[in-house]
Amino acid sequence: MVLLFAIFFTVSFSATAQIYVKIRPTIQITPRPAQPSPSHVWIDEDWEQNDGTYRYSGGRCVVPPRSGYYRKPGHWQKTRRGNRWIQGRWSKPARHHRY
């Protein structure tokens, strides 16, 4: 029972662990191709967690999840433990109020 609890705790903890780096990885320059369609948008710098480090995954055209959504870019956040990547995300357009 204790062994089962230890395994569960280890797996649960590792699934929520953040990756911190002391030196930020360098960005790879990706030539921007022509847009495949008018609905595609370009995503510049983006990083994914990969085996305890970050792997560059930016420089690509994607279609927003819904019409009118825009991409808030990701960014590096400096902490006492090091730098960590905050993922970019899709956001709804702001509603305009009519007066």
C-alpha atoms as a PDB file:
ATOM      1  CA  MET A   1       0.000   0.000   0.000  1.00  0.00           C
ATOM      2  CA  VAL A   2       2.833   2.383   0.880  1.00  0.00           C
ATOM      3  CA  LEU A   3       4.554   1.580  -2.423  1.00  0.00           C
ATOM      4  CA  LEU A   4       1.341   2.278  -4.342  1.00  0.00           C
ATOM      5  CA  PHE A   5       0.925   5.630  -2.555  1.00  0.00           C
ATOM      6  CA  ALA A   6       4.558   6.548  -3.290  1.00  0.00           C
ATOM      7  CA  ILE A   7       4.126   5.778  -6.991  1.00  0.00           C
ATOM      8  CA  PHE A   8       0.867   7.744  -7.179  1.00  0.00           C
ATOM      9  CA  PHE A   9       2.405  10.739  -5.385  1.00  0.00           C
ATOM     10  CA  THR A  10       5.470  10.731  -7.667  1.00  0.00           C
ATOM     11  CA  VAL A  11       3.378  10.574 -10.842  1.00  0.00           C
ATOM     12  CA  SER A  12       0.985  13.270  -9.600  1.00  0.00           C
ATOM     13  CA  PHE A  13       3.819  15.591  -8.657  1.00  0.00           C
ATOM     14  CA  SER A  14       5.735  15.149 -11.897  1.00  0.00           C
ATOM     15  CA  ALA A  15       2.615  15.851 -13.975  1.00  0.00           C
ATOM     16  CA  THR A  16       2.276  19.332 -12.447  1.00  0.00           C
ATOM     17  CA  ALA A  17       5.965  20.231 -12.191  1.00  0.00           C
ATOM     18  CA  GLN A  18       7.169  23.448 -13.779  1.00  0.00           C
ATOM     19  CA  ILE A  19      10.405  23.596 -15.735  1.00  0.00           C
ATOM     20  CA  TYR A  20      12.777  26.410 -14.851  1.00  0.00           C
ATOM     21  CA  VAL A  21      15.922  27.274 -16.805  1.00  0.00           C
ATOM     22  CA  LYS A  22      18.773  29.520 -15.722  1.00  0.00           C
ATOM     23  CA  ILE A  23      19.597  30.590 -19.276  1.00  0.00           C
ATOM     24  CA  ARG A  24      16.799  31.104 -21.740  1.00  0.00           C
ATOM     25  CA  PRO A  25      17.119  29.096 -24.948  1.00  0.00           C
ATOM     26  CA  THR A  26      17.924  31.061 -28.070  1.00  0.00           C
ATOM     27  CA  ILE A  27      15.144  31.577 -30.560  1.00  0.00           C
ATOM     28  CA  GLN A  28      15.416  29.907 -33.917  1.00  0.00           C
ATOM     29  CA  ILE A  29      14.761  32.129 -36.897  1.00  0.00           C
ATOM     30  CA  THR A  30      12.016  30.637 -39.045  1.00  0.00           C
ATOM     31  CA  PRO A  31      11.337  32.226 -42.422  1.00  0.00           C
ATOM     32  CA  ARG A  32       7.710  33.259 -42.634  1.00  0.00           C
ATOM     33  CA  PRO A  33       5.986  31.473 -45.535  1.00  0.00           C
ATOM     34  CA  ALA A  34       2.977  32.791 -47.400  1.00  0.00           C
ATOM     35  CA  GLN A  35      -0.282  32.412 -45.478  1.00  0.00           C
ATOM     36  CA  PRO A  36      -2.063  29.210 -46.529  1.00  0.00           C
ATOM     37  CA  SER A  37      -5.397  31.070 -46.264  1.00  0.00           C
ATOM     38  CA  PRO A  38      -6.730  34.428 -45.037  1.00  0.00           C
ATOM     39  CA  SER A  39      -7.943  32.748 -41.840  1.00  0.00           C
ATOM     40  CA  HIS A  40      -4.423  31.631 -40.800  1.00  0.00           C
ATOM     41  CA  VAL A  41      -2.340  33.668 -38.356  1.00  0.00           C
ATOM     42  CA  TRP A  42       1.402  33.546 -37.728  1.00  0.00           C
ATOM     43  CA  ILE A  43       2.733  32.438 -34.330  1.00  0.00           C
ATOM     44  CA  ASP A  44       6.260  33.648 -33.612  1.00  0.00           C
ATOM     45  CA  GLU A  45       8.157  32.468 -30.553  1.00  0.00           C
ATOM     46  CA  ASP A  46       6.617  29.485 -28.757  1.00  0.00           C
ATOM     47  CA  TRP A  47       8.162  26.774 -26.577  1.00  0.00           C
ATOM     48  CA  GLU A  48       6.987  23.344 -25.390  1.00  0.00           C
ATOM     49  CA  GLN A  49       8.171  21.401 -22.364  1.00  0.00           C
ATOM     50  CA  ASN A  50      10.202  18.398 -23.485  1.00  0.00           C
ATOM     51  CA  ASP A  51      12.034  16.004 -21.123  1.00  0.00           C
ATOM     52  CA  GLY A  52      12.830  18.607 -18.474  1.00  0.00           C
ATOM     53  CA  THR A  53      13.751  21.372 -20.889  1.00  0.00           C
ATOM     54  CA  TYR A  54      12.109  23.482 -23.604  1.00  0.00           C
ATOM     55  CA  ARG A  55      11.822  22.748 -27.315  1.00  0.00           C
ATOM     56  CA  TYR A  56      11.162  25.541 -29.800  1.00  0.00           C
ATOM     57  CA  SER A  57       7.788  25.123 -31.515  1.00  0.00           C
ATOM     58  CA  GLY A  58       7.050  28.596 -32.874  1.00  0.00           C
ATOM     59  CA  GLY A  59       7.250  29.955 -36.367  1.00  0.00           C
ATOM     60  CA  ARG A  60       4.113  28.499 -37.880  1.00  0.00           C
ATOM     61  CA  CYS A  61       0.754  29.429 -39.408  1.00  0.00           C
ATOM     62  CA  VAL A  62      -2.343  28.183 -37.600  1.00  0.00           C
ATOM     63  CA  VAL A  63      -6.078  28.736 -37.778  1.00  0.00           C
ATOM     64  CA  PRO A  64      -7.614  30.258 -34.622  1.00  0.00           C
ATOM     65  CA  PRO A  65      -9.966  27.942 -32.727  1.00  0.00           C
ATOM     66  CA  ARG A  66     -12.890  30.283 -33.478  1.00  0.00           C
ATOM     67  CA  SER A  67     -13.517  33.119 -35.862  1.00  0.00           C
ATOM     68  CA  GLY A  68     -12.351  36.469 -34.510  1.00  0.00           C
ATOM     69  CA  TYR A  69     -10.055  35.053 -31.803  1.00  0.00           C
ATOM     70  CA  TYR A  70      -6.575  36.471 -31.542  1.00  0.00           C
ATOM     71  CA  ARG A  71      -3.362  35.063 -30.118  1.00  0.00           C
ATOM     72  CA  LYS A  72      -1.805  36.529 -26.969  1.00  0.00           C
ATOM     73  CA  PRO A  73       1.887  35.693 -27.373  1.00  0.00           C
ATOM     74  CA  GLY A  74       3.780  33.616 -24.834  1.00  0.00           C
ATOM     75  CA  HIS A  75       6.567  35.158 -22.795  1.00  0.00           C
ATOM     76  CA  TRP A  76       9.413  34.312 -20.451  1.00  0.00           C
ATOM     77  CA  GLN A  77       8.758  34.953 -16.774  1.00  0.00           C
ATOM     78  CA  LYS A  78      11.752  35.528 -14.538  1.00  0.00           C
ATOM     79  CA  THR A  79      11.468  34.005 -11.048  1.00  0.00           C
ATOM     80  CA  ARG A  80      13.846  33.305  -8.176  1.00  0.00           C
ATOM     81  CA  ARG A  81      14.147  29.721  -9.414  1.00  0.00           C
ATOM     82  CA  GLY A  82      14.983  30.757 -12.974  1.00  0.00           C
ATOM     83  CA  ASN A  83      13.056  31.526 -16.143  1.00  0.00           C
ATOM     84  CA  ARG A  84       9.912  29.694 -17.163  1.00  0.00           C
ATOM     85  CA  TRP A  85       7.862  29.933 -20.311  1.00  0.00           C
ATOM     86  CA  ILE A  86       4.261  31.136 -20.039  1.00  0.00           C
ATOM     87  CA  GLN A  87       2.347  29.670 -22.973  1.00  0.00           C
ATOM     88  CA  GLY A  88       0.575  31.940 -25.419  1.00  0.00           C
ATOM     89  CA  ARG A  89      -3.168  31.523 -25.614  1.00  0.00           C
ATOM     90  CA  TRP A  90      -6.153  32.313 -27.735  1.00  0.00           C
ATOM     91  CA  SER A  91      -8.483  35.077 -26.567  1.00  0.00           C
ATOM     92  CA  LYS A  92     -11.920  36.254 -27.515  1.00  0.00           C
ATOM     93  CA  PRO A  93     -12.145  39.673 -29.090  1.00  0.00           C
ATOM     94  CA  ALA A  94     -13.149  42.411 -26.675  1.00  0.00           C
ATOM     95  CA  ARG A  95     -16.770  43.409 -26.897  1.00  0.00           C
ATOM     96  CA  HIS A  96     -17.374  46.980 -27.885  1.00  0.00           C
ATOM     97  CA  HIS A  97     -19.959  48.736 -25.804  1.00  0.00           C
ATOM     98  CA  ARG A  98     -22.481  50.913 -27.518  1.00  0.00           C
ATOM     99  CA  TYR A  99     -23.428  54.077 -25.709  1.00  0.00           C
END
